[in-house]
Amino acid sequence: MSKLDDLCVKYAKELEGLGEKVDAKLLRAVAKACGPSIYRADASLVAVTDPKEVNRVKRNFCMAKLGLKDTPKTAEGIDDVKKKYNKRRKLRAVFYYLLVKRFKKASVFK
């Protein structure tokens, strides 16, 4: 298995622990879209307590990748995912997968 495949197994277990039914194909596509960040310890995590990081997630993923607008609904969706994924260390690919599901934007990765 490749490094990406190994990480996807890890991500799927994390999502299952949150009660999510995992779409493996979508998860792999989201992880791949994260690029090299998933292979670096610090970059593979989302620091949701850092407003600058949350803003980057909103701009670079929610708006640029998912095509969302900078509205209160976007911020609300990010907050919903932060609450759902209430573990201390939030894996970037898992966080992004949950955002894709929350905003019903799986079609972006098909």
PDB file of N, CA and C in Angstrom:
ATOM      1  N   MET A   1       0.834  -1.189   0.000  1.00  0.00           N
ATOM      2  CA  MET A   1       0.000   0.000   0.000  1.00  0.00           C
ATOM      3  C   MET A   1       0.877   1.250   0.000  1.00  0.00           C
ATOM      4  N   SER A   2       0.345   2.294  -0.586  1.00  0.00           N
ATOM      5  CA  SER A   2       1.066   3.565  -0.633  1.00  0.00           C
ATOM      6  C   SER A   2       0.876   4.326   0.683  1.00  0.00           C
ATOM      7  N   LYS A   3       1.659   5.366   0.868  1.00  0.00           N
ATOM      8  CA  LYS A   3       1.511   6.213   2.056  1.00  0.00           C
ATOM      9  C   LYS A   3       0.101   6.811   2.114  1.00  0.00           C
ATOM     10  N   LEU A   4      -0.396   7.227   0.944  1.00  0.00           N
ATOM     11  CA  LEU A   4      -1.743   7.793   0.889  1.00  0.00           C
ATOM     12  C   LEU A   4      -2.776   6.760   1.324  1.00  0.00           C
ATOM     13  N   ASP A   5      -2.642   5.530   0.852  1.00  0.00           N
ATOM     14  CA  ASP A   5      -3.573   4.470   1.248  1.00  0.00           C
ATOM     15  C   ASP A   5      -3.513   4.223   2.752  1.00  0.00           C
ATOM     16  N   ASP A   6      -2.296   4.198   3.300  1.00  0.00           N
ATOM     17  CA  ASP A   6      -2.140   3.999   4.745  1.00  0.00           C
ATOM     18  C   ASP A   6      -2.831   5.114   5.525  1.00  0.00           C
ATOM     19  N   LEU A   7      -2.657   6.340   5.069  1.00  0.00           N
ATOM     20  CA  LEU A   7      -3.298   7.467   5.743  1.00  0.00           C
ATOM     21  C   LEU A   7      -4.816   7.397   5.622  1.00  0.00           C
ATOM     22  N   CYS A   8      -5.307   6.974   4.473  1.00  0.00           N
ATOM     23  CA  CYS A   8      -6.763   6.875   4.278  1.00  0.00           C
ATOM     24  C   CYS A   8      -7.379   5.849   5.228  1.00  0.00           C
ATOM     25  N   VAL A   9      -6.661   4.766   5.495  1.00  0.00           N
ATOM     26  CA  VAL A   9      -7.130   3.777   6.476  1.00  0.00           C
ATOM     27  C   VAL A   9      -7.225   4.438   7.852  1.00  0.00           C
ATOM     28  N   LYS A  10      -6.198   5.188   8.202  1.00  0.00           N
ATOM     29  CA  LYS A  10      -6.180   5.914   9.478  1.00  0.00           C
ATOM     30  C   LYS A  10      -7.344   6.911   9.549  1.00  0.00           C
ATOM     31  N   TYR A  11      -7.558   7.647   8.472  1.00  0.00           N
ATOM     32  CA  TYR A  11      -8.632   8.637   8.434  1.00  0.00           C
ATOM     33  C   TYR A  11     -10.003   7.973   8.548  1.00  0.00           C
ATOM     34  N   ALA A  12     -10.174   6.849   7.869  1.00  0.00           N
ATOM     35  CA  ALA A  12     -11.454   6.133   7.915  1.00  0.00           C
ATOM     36  C   ALA A  12     -11.760   5.677   9.340  1.00  0.00           C
ATOM     37  N   LYS A  13     -10.757   5.177  10.037  1.00  0.00           N
ATOM     38  CA  LYS A  13     -10.963   4.762  11.434  1.00  0.00           C
ATOM     39  C   LYS A  13     -11.361   5.947  12.297  1.00  0.00           C
ATOM     40  N   GLU A  14     -10.718   7.078  12.065  1.00  0.00           N
ATOM     41  CA  GLU A  14     -11.041   8.293  12.819  1.00  0.00           C
ATOM     42  C   GLU A  14     -12.494   8.705  12.561  1.00  0.00           C
ATOM     43  N   LEU A  15     -12.909   8.662  11.309  1.00  0.00           N
ATOM     44  CA  LEU A  15     -14.280   9.039  10.947  1.00  0.00           C
ATOM     45  C   LEU A  15     -15.302   8.049  11.515  1.00  0.00           C
ATOM     46  N   GLU A  16     -14.970   6.766  11.454  1.00  0.00           N
ATOM     47  CA  GLU A  16     -15.874   5.760  12.015  1.00  0.00           C
ATOM     48  C   GLU A  16     -16.041   5.975  13.513  1.00  0.00           C
ATOM     49  N   GLY A  17     -14.974   6.390  14.183  1.00  0.00           N
ATOM     50  CA  GLY A  17     -15.039   6.698  15.609  1.00  0.00           C
ATOM     51  C   GLY A  17     -15.953   7.874  15.914  1.00  0.00           C
ATOM     52  N   LEU A  18     -16.198   8.695  14.896  1.00  0.00           N
ATOM     53  CA  LEU A  18     -17.116   9.832  15.042  1.00  0.00           C
ATOM     54  C   LEU A  18     -18.539   9.463  14.624  1.00  0.00           C
ATOM     55  N   GLY A  19     -18.736   8.189  14.266  1.00  0.00           N
ATOM     56  CA  GLY A  19     -20.058   7.734  13.846  1.00  0.00           C
ATOM     57  C   GLY A  19     -20.372   7.993  12.388  1.00  0.00           C
ATOM     58  N   GLU A  20     -19.357   8.305  11.594  1.00  0.00           N
ATOM     59  CA  GLU A  20     -19.550   8.593  10.166  1.00  0.00           C
ATOM     60  C   GLU A  20     -19.508   7.312   9.337  1.00  0.00           C
ATOM     61  N   LYS A  21     -20.392   7.237   8.369  1.00  0.00           N
ATOM     62  CA  LYS A  21     -20.318   6.189   7.357  1.00  0.00           C
ATOM     63  C   LYS A  21     -19.363   6.727   6.295  1.00  0.00           C
ATOM     64  N   VAL A  22     -18.259   6.049   6.070  1.00  0.00           N
ATOM     65  CA  VAL A  22     -17.180   6.574   5.243  1.00  0.00           C
ATOM     66  C   VAL A  22     -17.343   6.171   3.783  1.00  0.00           C
ATOM     67  N   ASP A  23     -17.272   7.158   2.917  1.00  0.00           N
ATOM     68  CA  ASP A  23     -17.197   6.944   1.478  1.00  0.00           C
ATOM     69  C   ASP A  23     -15.705   6.944   1.150  1.00  0.00           C
ATOM     70  N   ALA A  24     -15.129   5.749   0.988  1.00  0.00           N
ATOM     71  CA  ALA A  24     -13.680   5.604   0.826  1.00  0.00           C
ATOM     72  C   ALA A  24     -13.151   6.355  -0.394  1.00  0.00           C
ATOM     73  N   LYS A  25     -13.917   6.345  -1.468  1.00  0.00           N
ATOM     74  CA  LYS A  25     -13.481   7.029  -2.687  1.00  0.00           C
ATOM     75  C   LYS A  25     -13.427   8.549  -2.459  1.00  0.00           C
ATOM     76  N   LEU A  26     -14.437   9.080  -1.806  1.00  0.00           N
ATOM     77  CA  LEU A  26     -14.470  10.511  -1.498  1.00  0.00           C
ATOM     78  C   LEU A  26     -13.352  10.871  -0.515  1.00  0.00           C
ATOM     79  N   LEU A  27     -13.164  10.044   0.501  1.00  0.00           N
ATOM     80  CA  LEU A  27     -12.114  10.305   1.478  1.00  0.00           C
ATOM     81  C   LEU A  27     -10.745  10.356   0.806  1.00  0.00           C
ATOM     82  N   ARG A  28     -10.488   9.426  -0.088  1.00  0.00           N
ATOM     83  CA  ARG A  28      -9.202   9.398  -0.800  1.00  0.00           C
ATOM     84  C   ARG A  28      -9.035  10.672  -1.643  1.00  0.00           C
ATOM     85  N   ALA A  29     -10.109  11.092  -2.307  1.00  0.00           N
ATOM     86  CA  ALA A  29     -10.051  12.296  -3.142  1.00  0.00           C
ATOM     87  C   ALA A  29      -9.798  13.542  -2.296  1.00  0.00           C
ATOM     88  N   VAL A  30     -10.439  13.625  -1.147  1.00  0.00           N
ATOM     89  CA  VAL A  30     -10.240  14.770  -0.258  1.00  0.00           C
ATOM     90  C   VAL A  30      -8.804  14.765   0.278  1.00  0.00           C
ATOM     91  N   ALA A  31      -8.337  13.595   0.689  1.00  0.00           N
ATOM     92  CA  ALA A  31      -6.962  13.489   1.207  1.00  0.00           C
ATOM     93  C   ALA A  31      -5.954  13.884   0.132  1.00  0.00           C
ATOM     94  N   LYS A  32      -6.183  13.425  -1.073  1.00  0.00           N
ATOM     95  CA  LYS A  32      -5.286  13.753  -2.183  1.00  0.00           C
ATOM     96  C   LYS A  32      -5.302  15.269  -2.458  1.00  0.00           C
ATOM     97  N   ALA A  33      -6.465  15.885  -2.327  1.00  0.00           N
ATOM     98  CA  ALA A  33      -6.592  17.330  -2.554  1.00  0.00           C
ATOM     99  C   ALA A  33      -5.844  18.146  -1.493  1.00  0.00           C
ATOM    100  N   CYS A  34      -5.590  17.542  -0.352  1.00  0.00           N
ATOM    101  CA  CYS A  34      -4.826  18.232   0.696  1.00  0.00           C
ATOM    102  C   CYS A  34      -3.365  18.389   0.296  1.00  0.00           C
ATOM    103  N   GLY A  35      -2.932  17.620  -0.663  1.00  0.00           N
ATOM    104  CA  GLY A  35      -1.558  17.718  -1.135  1.00  0.00           C
ATOM    105  C   GLY A  35      -0.554  17.228  -0.112  1.00  0.00           C
ATOM    106  N   PRO A  36       0.661  17.749  -0.192  1.00  0.00           N
ATOM    107  CA  PRO A  36       1.730  17.257   0.683  1.00  0.00           C
ATOM    108  C   PRO A  36       1.537  17.586   2.166  1.00  0.00           C
ATOM    109  N   SER A  37       0.594  18.431   2.490  1.00  0.00           N
ATOM    110  CA  SER A  37       0.400  18.807   3.897  1.00  0.00           C
ATOM    111  C   SER A  37       0.078  17.605   4.777  1.00  0.00           C
ATOM    112  N   ILE A  38      -0.576  16.587   4.222  1.00  0.00           N
ATOM    113  CA  ILE A  38      -0.960  15.437   5.059  1.00  0.00           C
ATOM    114  C   ILE A  38       0.239  14.589   5.472  1.00  0.00           C
ATOM    115  N   TYR A  39       1.380  14.814   4.840  1.00  0.00           N
ATOM    116  CA  TYR A  39       2.579  14.033   5.155  1.00  0.00           C
ATOM    117  C   TYR A  39       3.498  14.733   6.154  1.00  0.00           C
ATOM    118  N   ARG A  40       3.177  15.961   6.510  1.00  0.00           N
ATOM    119  CA  ARG A  40       3.992  16.722   7.466  1.00  0.00           C
ATOM    120  C   ARG A  40       3.236  16.826   8.795  1.00  0.00           C
ATOM    121  N   ALA A  41       3.915  16.495   9.854  1.00  0.00           N
ATOM    122  CA  ALA A  41       3.270  16.391  11.169  1.00  0.00           C
ATOM    123  C   ALA A  41       2.428  17.619  11.522  1.00  0.00           C
ATOM    124  N   ASP A  42       3.007  18.790  11.474  1.00  0.00           N
ATOM    125  CA  ASP A  42       2.282  19.989  11.886  1.00  0.00           C
ATOM    126  C   ASP A  42       1.193  20.366  10.881  1.00  0.00           C
ATOM    127  N   ALA A  43       1.510  20.308   9.618  1.00  0.00           N
ATOM    128  CA  ALA A  43       0.561  20.719   8.579  1.00  0.00           C
ATOM    129  C   ALA A  43      -0.607  19.739   8.434  1.00  0.00           C
ATOM    130  N   SER A  44      -0.445  18.523   8.917  1.00  0.00           N
ATOM    131  CA  SER A  44      -1.511  17.530   8.782  1.00  0.00           C
ATOM    132  C   SER A  44      -2.643  17.757   9.777  1.00  0.00           C
ATOM    133  N   LEU A  45      -2.454  18.718  10.671  1.00  0.00           N
ATOM    134  CA  LEU A  45      -3.464  19.016  11.689  1.00  0.00           C
ATOM    135  C   LEU A  45      -4.079  20.393  11.448  1.00  0.00           C
ATOM    136  N   VAL A  46      -5.326  20.554  11.877  1.00  0.00           N
ATOM    137  CA  VAL A  46      -6.008  21.845  11.797  1.00  0.00           C
ATOM    138  C   VAL A  46      -6.077  22.412  13.217  1.00  0.00           C
ATOM    139  N   ALA A  47      -5.557  23.603  13.395  1.00  0.00           N
ATOM    140  CA  ALA A  47      -5.564  24.273  14.704  1.00  0.00           C
ATOM    141  C   ALA A  47      -6.820  25.142  14.786  1.00  0.00           C
ATOM    142  N   VAL A  48      -7.919  24.554  15.222  1.00  0.00           N
ATOM    143  CA  VAL A  48      -9.191  25.291  15.221  1.00  0.00           C
ATOM    144  C   VAL A  48      -9.266  26.374  16.288  1.00  0.00           C
ATOM    145  N   THR A  49      -8.309  26.405  17.196  1.00  0.00           N
ATOM    146  CA  THR A  49      -8.303  27.475  18.196  1.00  0.00           C
ATOM    147  C   THR A  49      -7.575  28.716  17.687  1.00  0.00           C
ATOM    148  N   ASP A  50      -6.951  28.604  16.528  1.00  0.00           N
ATOM    149  CA  ASP A  50      -6.231  29.723  15.912  1.00  0.00           C
ATOM    150  C   ASP A  50      -7.123  30.366  14.859  1.00  0.00           C
ATOM    151  N   PRO A  51      -7.606  31.585  15.102  1.00  0.00           N
ATOM    152  CA  PRO A  51      -8.499  32.246  14.137  1.00  0.00           C
ATOM    153  C   PRO A  51      -7.891  32.371  12.735  1.00  0.00           C
ATOM    154  N   LYS A  52      -6.568  32.570  12.655  1.00  0.00           N
ATOM    155  CA  LYS A  52      -5.924  32.666  11.344  1.00  0.00           C
ATOM    156  C   LYS A  52      -6.024  31.346  10.592  1.00  0.00           C
ATOM    157  N   GLU A  53      -5.845  30.242  11.307  1.00  0.00           N
ATOM    158  CA  GLU A  53      -5.950  28.915  10.686  1.00  0.00           C
ATOM    159  C   GLU A  53      -7.381  28.652  10.209  1.00  0.00           C
ATOM    160  N   VAL A  54      -8.347  28.995  11.038  1.00  0.00           N
ATOM    161  CA  VAL A  54      -9.754  28.802  10.660  1.00  0.00           C
ATOM    162  C   VAL A  54     -10.083  29.647   9.438  1.00  0.00           C
ATOM    163  N   ASN A  55      -9.565  30.847   9.389  1.00  0.00           N
ATOM    164  CA  ASN A  55      -9.781  31.716   8.232  1.00  0.00           C
ATOM    165  C   ASN A  55      -9.142  31.116   6.972  1.00  0.00           C
ATOM    166  N   ARG A  56      -7.955  30.513   7.138  1.00  0.00           N
ATOM    167  CA  ARG A  56      -7.293  29.852   5.997  1.00  0.00           C
ATOM    168  C   ARG A  56      -8.137  28.682   5.487  1.00  0.00           C
ATOM    169  N   VAL A  57      -8.685  27.905   6.411  1.00  0.00           N
ATOM    170  CA  VAL A  57      -9.554  26.777   6.034  1.00  0.00           C
ATOM    171  C   VAL A  57     -10.758  27.309   5.259  1.00  0.00           C
ATOM    172  N   LYS A  58     -11.326  28.390   5.766  1.00  0.00           N
ATOM    173  CA  LYS A  58     -12.499  28.976   5.097  1.00  0.00           C
ATOM    174  C   LYS A  58     -12.143  29.465   3.696  1.00  0.00           C
ATOM    175  N   ARG A  59     -11.053  30.242   3.591  1.00  0.00           N
ATOM    176  CA  ARG A  59     -10.662  30.817   2.293  1.00  0.00           C
ATOM    177  C   ARG A  59     -10.146  29.755   1.318  1.00  0.00           C
ATOM    178  N   ASN A  60      -9.169  28.972   1.779  1.00  0.00           N
ATOM    179  CA  ASN A  60      -8.460  28.071   0.870  1.00  0.00           C
ATOM    180  C   ASN A  60      -9.179  26.770   0.579  1.00  0.00           C
ATOM    181  N   PHE A  61     -10.046  26.342   1.478  1.00  0.00           N
ATOM    182  CA  PHE A  61     -10.765  25.094   1.204  1.00  0.00           C
ATOM    183  C   PHE A  61     -12.241  25.342   0.936  1.00  0.00           C
ATOM    184  N   CYS A  62     -12.910  25.963   1.890  1.00  0.00           N
ATOM    185  CA  CYS A  62     -14.364  26.136   1.724  1.00  0.00           C
ATOM    186  C   CYS A  62     -14.714  27.027   0.537  1.00  0.00           C
ATOM    187  N   MET A  63     -14.006  28.127   0.407  1.00  0.00           N
ATOM    188  CA  MET A  63     -14.340  29.057  -0.673  1.00  0.00           C
ATOM    189  C   MET A  63     -13.641  28.670  -1.982  1.00  0.00           C
ATOM    190  N   ALA A  64     -12.331  28.472  -1.943  1.00  0.00           N
ATOM    191  CA  ALA A  64     -11.584  28.203  -3.180  1.00  0.00           C
ATOM    192  C   ALA A  64     -11.886  26.817  -3.746  1.00  0.00           C
ATOM    193  N   LYS A  65     -11.940  25.809  -2.896  1.00  0.00           N
ATOM    194  CA  LYS A  65     -12.120  24.438  -3.398  1.00  0.00           C
ATOM    195  C   LYS A  65     -13.602  24.057  -3.515  1.00  0.00           C
ATOM    196  N   LEU A  66     -14.369  24.373  -2.473  1.00  0.00           N
ATOM    197  CA  LEU A  66     -15.780  23.965  -2.478  1.00  0.00           C
ATOM    198  C   LEU A  66     -16.696  24.981  -3.148  1.00  0.00           C
ATOM    199  N   GLY A  67     -16.199  26.189  -3.392  1.00  0.00           N
ATOM    200  CA  GLY A  67     -16.998  27.194  -4.079  1.00  0.00           C
ATOM    201  C   GLY A  67     -18.025  27.887  -3.207  1.00  0.00           C
ATOM    202  N   LEU A  68     -17.817  27.870  -1.899  1.00  0.00           N
ATOM    203  CA  LEU A  68     -18.745  28.533  -0.987  1.00  0.00           C
ATOM    204  C   LEU A  68     -18.449  30.032  -0.925  1.00  0.00           C
ATOM    205  N   LYS A  69     -19.424  30.772  -0.467  1.00  0.00           N
ATOM    206  CA  LYS A  69     -19.269  32.223  -0.294  1.00  0.00           C
ATOM    207  C   LYS A  69     -18.866  32.518   1.148  1.00  0.00           C
ATOM    208  N   ASP A  70     -18.307  33.688   1.365  1.00  0.00           N
ATOM    209  CA  ASP A  70     -17.927  34.123   2.705  1.00  0.00           C
ATOM    210  C   ASP A  70     -19.165  34.658   3.399  1.00  0.00           C
ATOM    211  N   THR A  71     -19.944  33.740   3.937  1.00  0.00           N
ATOM    212  CA  THR A  71     -21.208  34.096   4.592  1.00  0.00           C
ATOM    213  C   THR A  71     -21.237  33.505   5.999  1.00  0.00           C
ATOM    214  N   PRO A  72     -22.193  33.955   6.797  1.00  0.00           N
ATOM    215  CA  PRO A  72     -22.352  33.354   8.128  1.00  0.00           C
ATOM    216  C   PRO A  72     -22.638  31.847   8.061  1.00  0.00           C
ATOM    217  N   LYS A  73     -23.292  31.388   6.991  1.00  0.00           N
ATOM    218  CA  LYS A  73     -23.574  29.950   6.859  1.00  0.00           C
ATOM    219  C   LYS A  73     -22.288  29.136   6.710  1.00  0.00           C
ATOM    220  N   THR A  74     -21.304  29.706   6.033  1.00  0.00           N
ATOM    221  CA  THR A  74     -20.017  29.029   5.889  1.00  0.00           C
ATOM    222  C   THR A  74     -19.336  28.931   7.256  1.00  0.00           C
ATOM    223  N   ALA A  75     -19.317  30.028   7.975  1.00  0.00           N
ATOM    224  CA  ALA A  75     -18.718  30.037   9.318  1.00  0.00           C
ATOM    225  C   ALA A  75     -19.466  29.078  10.244  1.00  0.00           C
ATOM    226  N   GLU A  76     -20.775  29.044  10.119  1.00  0.00           N
ATOM    227  CA  GLU A  76     -21.597  28.147  10.935  1.00  0.00           C
ATOM    228  C   GLU A  76     -21.264  26.683  10.627  1.00  0.00           C
ATOM    229  N   GLY A  77     -21.069  26.373   9.352  1.00  0.00           N
ATOM    230  CA  GLY A  77     -20.719  25.010   8.961  1.00  0.00           C
ATOM    231  C   GLY A  77     -19.371  24.590   9.518  1.00  0.00           C
ATOM    232  N   ILE A  78     -18.417  25.502   9.493  1.00  0.00           N
ATOM    233  CA  ILE A  78     -17.092  25.207  10.074  1.00  0.00           C
ATOM    234  C   ILE A  78     -17.237  24.965  11.574  1.00  0.00           C
ATOM    235  N   ASP A  79     -18.023  25.783  12.235  1.00  0.00           N
ATOM    236  CA  ASP A  79     -18.258  25.599  13.672  1.00  0.00           C
ATOM    237  C   ASP A  79     -18.922  24.255  13.956  1.00  0.00           C
ATOM    238  N   ASP A  80     -19.883  23.862  13.113  1.00  0.00           N
ATOM    239  CA  ASP A  80     -20.546  22.567  13.281  1.00  0.00           C
ATOM    240  C   ASP A  80     -19.537  21.422  13.204  1.00  0.00           C
ATOM    241  N   VAL A  81     -18.624  21.523  12.233  1.00  0.00           N
ATOM    242  CA  VAL A  81     -17.611  20.475  12.079  1.00  0.00           C
ATOM    243  C   VAL A  81     -16.657  20.479  13.271  1.00  0.00           C
ATOM    244  N   LYS A  82     -16.288  21.657  13.755  1.00  0.00           N
ATOM    245  CA  LYS A  82     -15.424  21.745  14.938  1.00  0.00           C
ATOM    246  C   LYS A  82     -16.077  21.040  16.130  1.00  0.00           C
ATOM    247  N   LYS A  83     -17.374  21.226  16.294  1.00  0.00           N
ATOM    248  CA  LYS A  83     -18.091  20.583  17.406  1.00  0.00           C
ATOM    249  C   LYS A  83     -18.200  19.081  17.210  1.00  0.00           C
ATOM    250  N   LYS A  84     -18.476  18.660  15.988  1.00  0.00           N
ATOM    251  CA  LYS A  84     -18.613  17.229  15.714  1.00  0.00           C
ATOM    252  C   LYS A  84     -17.283  16.513  15.896  1.00  0.00           C
ATOM    253  N   TYR A  85     -16.230  17.118  15.402  1.00  0.00           N
ATOM    254  CA  TYR A  85     -14.890  16.541  15.475  1.00  0.00           C
ATOM    255  C   TYR A  85     -14.213  17.117  16.717  1.00  0.00           C
ATOM    256  N   ASN A  86     -14.671  16.670  17.863  1.00  0.00           N
ATOM    257  CA  ASN A  86     -14.270  17.296  19.115  1.00  0.00           C
ATOM    258  C   ASN A  86     -13.039  16.651  19.760  1.00  0.00           C
ATOM    259  N   LYS A  87     -12.181  16.090  18.939  1.00  0.00           N
ATOM    260  CA  LYS A  87     -10.929  15.553  19.457  1.00  0.00           C
ATOM    261  C   LYS A  87      -9.900  16.669  19.538  1.00  0.00           C
ATOM    262  N   ARG A  88      -8.930  16.477  20.378  1.00  0.00           N
ATOM    263  CA  ARG A  88      -7.903  17.516  20.577  1.00  0.00           C
ATOM    264  C   ARG A  88      -7.099  17.749  19.307  1.00  0.00           C
ATOM    265  N   ARG A  89      -6.651  16.664  18.673  1.00  0.00           N
ATOM    266  CA  ARG A  89      -5.851  16.761  17.450  1.00  0.00           C
ATOM    267  C   ARG A  89      -6.760  16.458  16.257  1.00  0.00           C
ATOM    268  N   LYS A  90      -6.986  17.456  15.439  1.00  0.00           N
ATOM    269  CA  LYS A  90      -7.891  17.304  14.300  1.00  0.00           C
ATOM    270  C   LYS A  90      -7.079  17.121  13.022  1.00  0.00           C
ATOM    271  N   LEU A  91      -7.202  15.945  12.440  1.00  0.00           N
ATOM    272  CA  LEU A  91      -6.492  15.639  11.204  1.00  0.00           C
ATOM    273  C   LEU A  91      -7.109  16.435  10.051  1.00  0.00           C
ATOM    274  N   ARG A  92      -6.258  17.088   9.282  1.00  0.00           N
ATOM    275  CA  ARG A  92      -6.717  17.976   8.207  1.00  0.00           C
ATOM    276  C   ARG A  92      -7.645  17.250   7.219  1.00  0.00           C
ATOM    277  N   ALA A  93      -7.244  16.093   6.739  1.00  0.00           N
ATOM    278  CA  ALA A  93      -8.055  15.388   5.742  1.00  0.00           C
ATOM    279  C   ALA A  93      -9.414  14.979   6.315  1.00  0.00           C
ATOM    280  N   VAL A  94      -9.445  14.588   7.575  1.00  0.00           N
ATOM    281  CA  VAL A  94     -10.712  14.228   8.221  1.00  0.00           C
ATOM    282  C   VAL A  94     -11.581  15.470   8.377  1.00  0.00           C
ATOM    283  N   PHE A  95     -10.992  16.557   8.814  1.00  0.00           N
ATOM    284  CA  PHE A  95     -11.726  17.815   8.985  1.00  0.00           C
ATOM    285  C   PHE A  95     -12.316  18.260   7.648  1.00  0.00           C
ATOM    286  N   TYR A  96     -11.510  18.211   6.602  1.00  0.00           N
ATOM    287  CA  TYR A  96     -11.976  18.612   5.275  1.00  0.00           C
ATOM    288  C   TYR A  96     -13.070  17.674   4.762  1.00  0.00           C
ATOM    289  N   TYR A  97     -12.922  16.382   5.005  1.00  0.00           N
ATOM    290  CA  TYR A  97     -13.953  15.414   4.597  1.00  0.00           C
ATOM    291  C   TYR A  97     -15.283  15.765   5.277  1.00  0.00           C
ATOM    292  N   LEU A  98     -15.219  16.066   6.559  1.00  0.00           N
ATOM    293  CA  LEU A  98     -16.442  16.437   7.285  1.00  0.00           C
ATOM    294  C   LEU A  98     -17.049  17.726   6.734  1.00  0.00           C
ATOM    295  N   LEU A  99     -16.208  18.668   6.325  1.00  0.00           N
ATOM    296  CA  LEU A  99     -16.717  19.894   5.699  1.00  0.00           C
ATOM    297  C   LEU A  99     -17.414  19.576   4.380  1.00  0.00           C
ATOM    298  N   VAL A 100     -16.809  18.710   3.584  1.00  0.00           N
ATOM    299  CA  VAL A 100     -17.415  18.313   2.306  1.00  0.00           C
ATOM    300  C   VAL A 100     -18.793  17.702   2.552  1.00  0.00           C
ATOM    301  N   LYS A 101     -18.878  16.822   3.523  1.00  0.00           N
ATOM    302  CA  LYS A 101     -20.165  16.186   3.844  1.00  0.00           C
ATOM    303  C   LYS A 101     -21.159  17.221   4.387  1.00  0.00           C
ATOM    304  N   ARG A 102     -20.698  18.081   5.268  1.00  0.00           N
ATOM    305  CA  ARG A 102     -21.577  19.081   5.888  1.00  0.00           C
ATOM    306  C   ARG A 102     -22.188  20.016   4.842  1.00  0.00           C
ATOM    307  N   PHE A 103     -21.378  20.399   3.871  1.00  0.00           N
ATOM    308  CA  PHE A 103     -21.854  21.334   2.845  1.00  0.00           C
ATOM    309  C   PHE A 103     -22.404  20.626   1.606  1.00  0.00           C
ATOM    310  N   LYS A 104     -22.428  19.281   1.650  1.00  0.00           N
ATOM    311  CA  LYS A 104     -22.962  18.483   0.528  1.00  0.00           C
ATOM    312  C   LYS A 104     -22.253  18.846  -0.797  1.00  0.00           C
ATOM    313  N   LYS A 105     -20.926  18.806  -0.749  1.00  0.00           N
ATOM    314  CA  LYS A 105     -20.120  19.190  -1.905  1.00  0.00           C
ATOM    315  C   LYS A 105     -19.282  18.022  -2.440  1.00  0.00           C
ATOM    316  N   ALA A 106     -19.744  16.811  -2.261  1.00  0.00           N
ATOM    317  CA  ALA A 106     -18.999  15.635  -2.748  1.00  0.00           C
ATOM    318  C   ALA A 106     -18.801  15.703  -4.256  1.00  0.00           C
ATOM    319  N   SER A 107     -19.723  16.346  -4.947  1.00  0.00           N
ATOM    320  CA  SER A 107     -19.631  16.425  -6.412  1.00  0.00           C
ATOM    321  C   SER A 107     -18.365  17.132  -6.869  1.00  0.00           C
ATOM    322  N   VAL A 108     -17.778  17.955  -6.036  1.00  0.00           N
ATOM    323  CA  VAL A 108     -16.534  18.654  -6.373  1.00  0.00           C
ATOM    324  C   VAL A 108     -15.399  17.640  -6.594  1.00  0.00           C
ATOM    325  N   PHE A 109     -15.483  16.498  -5.933  1.00  0.00           N
ATOM    326  CA  PHE A 109     -14.404  15.513  -5.983  1.00  0.00           C
ATOM    327  C   PHE A 109     -14.705  14.326  -6.877  1.00  0.00           C
ATOM    328  N   LYS A 110     -15.751  14.394  -7.673  1.00  0.00           N
ATOM    329  CA  LYS A 110     -16.111  13.266  -8.558  1.00  0.00           C
ATOM    330  C   LYS A 110     -15.606  13.475  -9.952  1.00  0.00           C
TER     331      LYS A 110
END
